[in-house]
Protein backbone atom coordinates (compact mmCIF):
# COMPACT_ATOMS: atom_id res chain seq x y z
CA MET A 1 165.46 128.59 80.27
CA GLU A 2 167.70 125.47 81.59
CA ILE A 3 166.91 123.26 83.88
CA LEU A 4 170.41 120.83 84.91
CA ASN A 5 169.40 117.65 86.73
CA ILE A 6 172.20 117.60 89.24
CA ASP A 7 172.13 114.31 91.14
CA THR A 8 168.73 112.72 92.22
CA GLN A 9 167.93 115.43 94.46
CA SER A 10 169.79 118.27 93.25
CA TRP A 11 168.38 120.71 89.76
CA GLN A 12 169.56 123.77 88.82
CA LEU A 13 167.48 126.11 87.12
CA ASN A 14 169.29 128.84 85.02
CA PHE A 15 166.80 131.21 83.09
CA SER A 16 166.71 135.32 81.03
CA LEU A 17 164.36 137.17 79.64
CA ASN A 18 164.23 137.88 75.79
CA LYS A 19 164.20 141.35 75.93
CA ASP A 20 163.00 140.91 71.98
CA LEU A 21 160.12 140.27 73.47
CA ILE A 22 159.76 141.56 76.35
CA ALA A 23 161.58 145.22 76.12
CA ASP A 24 160.23 147.02 79.18
CA THR A 25 160.76 144.15 81.94
CA ASN A 26 163.17 143.70 83.99
CA ILE A 27 163.42 140.88 86.85
CA ASP A 28 163.29 142.08 90.24
CA TYR A 29 165.72 140.17 92.19
CA LEU A 30 164.83 141.06 95.76
CA LYS A 31 160.93 140.25 95.26
CA LEU A 32 162.32 136.78 93.76
CA SER A 33 164.92 136.03 96.44
CA GLU A 34 161.82 137.40 99.03
CA ASN A 35 159.54 134.74 97.36
CA LEU A 36 162.31 131.74 97.16
CA LEU A 37 162.94 132.35 101.25
CA GLN A 38 159.25 131.32 101.87
CA VAL A 39 159.46 128.46 99.36
CA ALA A 40 162.63 127.06 102.15
CA LEU A 41 160.74 127.87 105.44
CA LEU A 42 157.64 126.07 104.06
CA ASN A 43 159.99 123.09 102.63
CA ARG A 44 162.09 122.13 105.16
CA GLN A 45 164.41 119.81 103.72
CA ALA A 46 165.39 122.41 100.50
CA GLU A 47 168.29 124.39 100.12
CA ILE A 48 168.15 127.14 97.58
CA ILE A 49 170.82 129.33 96.14
CA ILE A 50 169.93 132.44 94.15
CA THR A 51 172.71 134.02 92.24
CA ASP A 52 172.31 136.93 90.04
CA LYS A 53 174.64 137.40 87.50
CA ARG A 54 173.13 140.50 85.04
CA GLN A 55 175.34 143.00 86.91
CA LYS A 56 179.25 143.78 87.57
CA HIS A 57 178.66 142.40 90.95
CA LEU A 58 176.26 139.64 91.69
CA ASN A 59 174.30 138.82 94.25
CA GLN A 60 173.89 135.52 96.04
CA ASN A 61 171.49 134.59 98.29
CA TYR A 62 171.58 130.75 100.00
CA TYR A 63 168.09 129.72 102.17
CA TYR A 64 168.12 126.54 104.30
CA PHE A 65 165.82 126.29 107.37
CA PRO A 66 165.58 123.36 108.72
CA GLN A 67 163.69 124.53 111.71
CA GLY A 68 160.73 125.30 109.31
CA VAL A 69 158.71 128.48 110.34
CA PHE A 70 160.07 127.89 114.03
CA TYR A 71 162.89 130.53 112.69
CA LEU A 72 160.07 133.37 112.23
CA PHE A 73 158.54 132.16 115.72
CA ASP A 74 162.04 132.36 117.21
CA LYS A 75 162.64 135.60 115.66
CA ALA A 76 159.11 136.88 116.81
CA THR A 77 160.12 136.12 120.46
CA THR A 78 163.44 137.13 121.16
CA GLU A 79 163.02 140.64 119.45
CA ILE A 80 160.06 142.12 121.37
CA LEU A 81 160.52 144.05 124.05
CA GLY A 82 159.70 142.03 127.78
CA LYS A 83 160.14 138.22 128.28
CA PRO A 84 157.07 136.28 127.01
CA GLU A 85 154.49 135.27 129.61
CA PHE A 86 154.59 131.63 127.69
CA LYS A 87 155.70 129.93 124.77
CA LEU A 88 154.73 126.70 123.50
CA VAL A 89 155.13 124.54 120.24
CA PHE A 90 153.61 121.73 118.38
CA ASP A 91 155.55 120.09 115.98
CA ASP A 92 153.85 116.63 114.47
CA GLU A 93 151.70 115.32 111.85
CA LEU A 94 148.12 114.16 112.66
CA ASN A 95 146.15 112.31 110.09
CA LYS A 96 148.15 113.18 107.06
CA ASN A 97 148.05 116.96 107.94
CA LYS A 98 152.16 117.82 109.18
CA TYR A 99 151.86 121.20 111.45
CA GLN A 100 154.14 123.65 112.81
CA ILE A 101 152.41 125.70 115.46
CA GLY A 102 154.17 128.49 117.77
CA LEU A 103 152.16 130.12 120.14
CA ALA A 104 153.72 132.83 122.73
CA TYR A 105 152.37 136.40 124.70
CA ARG A 106 154.33 138.81 124.82
CA SER A 107 154.81 141.09 127.55
CA ASP A 108 155.76 144.67 126.73
CA TRP A 109 153.62 147.63 126.76
CA TYR A 110 150.26 148.06 124.18
CA PRO A 111 151.62 144.96 122.45
CA THR A 112 149.93 144.24 119.31
CA PRO A 113 149.09 140.71 118.07
CA ASN A 114 151.79 139.00 115.50
CA VAL A 115 149.86 136.21 113.59
CA ILE A 116 151.44 134.49 110.76
CA SER A 117 150.08 131.64 109.25
CA PHE A 118 151.08 129.36 106.06
CA ALA A 119 148.70 126.46 104.45
CA ASN A 120 150.54 124.51 102.21
CA ASP A 121 152.68 127.28 99.85
CA VAL A 122 149.87 129.84 100.82
CA HIS A 123 150.99 132.75 102.93
CA THR A 124 147.29 132.89 105.00
CA ILE A 125 147.38 136.30 105.10
CA CYS A 126 143.32 136.58 106.86
CA GLY A 127 144.38 133.35 108.82
CA GLY A 128 141.33 131.34 108.55
CA SER A 129 140.96 127.90 110.20
CA LEU A 130 144.41 127.33 111.44
CA VAL A 131 144.15 130.47 113.25
CA ASP A 132 140.86 130.00 114.47
CA GLY A 133 141.06 126.36 115.97
CA ILE A 134 144.57 127.77 117.80
CA LEU A 135 142.38 130.78 119.41
CA GLU A 136 139.80 127.77 120.15
CA GLY A 137 142.39 125.90 121.82
CA LEU A 138 143.22 128.80 123.69
CA ILE A 139 140.18 130.13 124.84
CA THR A 140 138.79 126.14 126.04
CA SER A 141 142.09 125.82 127.97
CA CYS A 142 141.64 128.93 129.84
CA LYS A 143 137.81 128.64 130.53
CA LYS A 144 138.27 125.22 132.01
CA TYR A 145 141.09 126.71 134.02
CA VAL A 146 139.16 129.73 135.62
CA LYS A 147 136.00 126.87 136.28
CA GLU A 148 138.08 124.02 137.85
CA ASN A 149 139.75 126.51 139.98
CA LYS A 150 136.68 128.33 141.24
CA MET A 151 138.18 131.69 140.11
CA LEU A 152 134.64 133.52 140.21
CA THR A 153 135.50 137.07 139.24
CA PHE A 154 137.26 135.90 135.90
CA LYS A 155 135.75 136.89 132.56
CA ILE A 156 136.68 135.17 129.97
CA LYS A 157 136.19 137.28 126.86
CA PRO A 158 137.75 136.44 123.52
CA LYS A 159 138.91 140.14 122.57
CA LYS A 160 141.13 140.40 125.12
CA PHE A 161 143.32 137.10 123.77
CA PHE A 162 144.65 139.05 120.94
CA ASN A 163 147.27 142.17 122.90
CA GLY A 164 150.31 140.46 123.13
CA LEU A 165 149.57 137.11 120.89
CA ILE A 166 152.38 135.86 119.19
CA VAL A 167 151.31 132.73 116.71
CA VAL A 168 153.80 131.40 113.39
CA CYS A 169 151.73 128.56 112.12
CA ALA A 170 151.91 126.57 109.16
CA VAL A 171 149.89 123.21 108.15
CA ARG A 172 150.40 121.04 105.00
CA GLY A 173 148.35 118.66 103.45
CA ASP A 174 145.58 117.96 100.93
CA ASN A 175 142.61 118.93 99.32
CA PHE A 176 142.78 122.35 101.08
CA HIS A 177 140.09 125.41 100.00
CA TYR A 178 140.82 128.64 100.06
CA GLY A 179 138.16 131.61 100.74
CA GLY A 180 138.35 135.86 100.76
CA SER A 181 138.62 138.10 97.74
CA PHE A 182 142.05 137.08 97.21
CA LYS A 183 142.09 133.46 98.39
CA GLU A 184 144.44 134.13 101.30
CA THR A 185 141.94 132.23 104.00
CA LEU A 186 142.14 128.79 104.66
CA GLU A 187 138.79 126.68 104.84
CA ASN A 188 139.33 123.22 106.51
CA ASP A 189 137.07 121.93 109.14
CA GLU A 190 139.30 119.22 109.64
CA VAL A 191 142.35 121.55 109.82
CA LYS A 192 140.23 123.44 112.92
CA LYS A 193 139.26 120.85 114.63
CA GLN A 194 143.15 119.44 115.23
CA ALA A 195 144.39 122.52 116.22
CA LYS A 196 141.79 123.66 118.54
CA LYS A 197 142.83 119.95 120.40
CA VAL A 198 146.54 120.07 120.31
CA ILE A 199 145.92 123.86 122.02
CA ALA A 200 144.09 123.34 124.24
CA LYS A 201 145.87 120.07 125.78
CA LEU A 202 149.15 122.06 125.17
CA VAL A 203 147.96 124.97 127.23
CA SER A 204 146.21 122.99 129.82
CA ASP A 205 149.38 121.09 130.55
CA PHE A 206 151.52 124.03 130.52
CA PHE A 207 148.84 125.77 132.78
CA LYS A 208 148.49 122.76 135.43
CA ASN A 209 152.43 122.69 135.76
CA ASN A 210 153.20 126.46 136.00
CA LYS A 211 150.46 128.16 137.90
CA GLU A 212 152.22 131.05 138.64
CA ASN A 213 152.64 131.94 134.68
CA ALA A 214 149.09 130.75 134.46
CA GLU A 215 147.48 133.00 136.62
CA LYS A 216 149.70 135.68 135.83
CA PHE A 217 148.42 135.56 132.12
CA LEU A 218 144.80 135.16 133.26
CA TRP A 219 145.01 138.37 135.56
CA ARG A 220 143.46 140.19 132.09
CA PHE A 221 140.20 138.76 132.39
CA ASP A 222 139.69 139.47 136.24
CA THR A 223 136.60 141.77 136.90
CA THR A 224 137.97 143.06 140.25
CA GLN A 225 141.55 144.59 138.58
CA LEU A 226 141.51 148.18 137.21
CA THR A 227 141.48 148.07 133.37
CA SER A 228 144.36 148.59 131.40
CA GLY A 229 145.48 149.52 127.73
CA ILE A 230 147.20 147.20 127.70
CA TYR A 231 144.24 144.70 127.81
């Protein structure tokens, strides 16, 4: 393996496997490429070029995502059927934790939830504190809106929030802990608290300024309406 320092901000890593030591192992270029794509997504300033020169025709990929995980959020909300009821984003730092949060709801038939979350460089497949905080903030805002507008026939039930849900989020900070069998769940009370507060304000402000969209979304909680497979 050879590491070259191109300049103060660039490095080049050249490597190959020693077949004398590992005779039956081969590098999966596509898998390596996917892993480096995630690195670029989670490190917005990084530019990564990966080149495979083992074959007659080389493979090469370039990864650079200055928008970070919002690349995935935009992809998720533009490739769905129908138009999202609303899209909300947060991109800022809170007490040294750096957040990117995208929240939306899709409007096609029988929409299953689409949740993608990261904590530092870990793909938190099982969610955890960040996702839980986002959902709690959303639920809090909906309850507040229903109460303030005296919508007496509306019953806010957490399970009805999942259909149509799109969440793409990432947080970067220090001293994070991970739980679950494969350490795929973020466990951090501060992240959960911060995410809840941020989303509660974003959703409340949106509902306040977009009454029609708010009530179209909240329709799923109206007990006077016929139940539907969508919800």
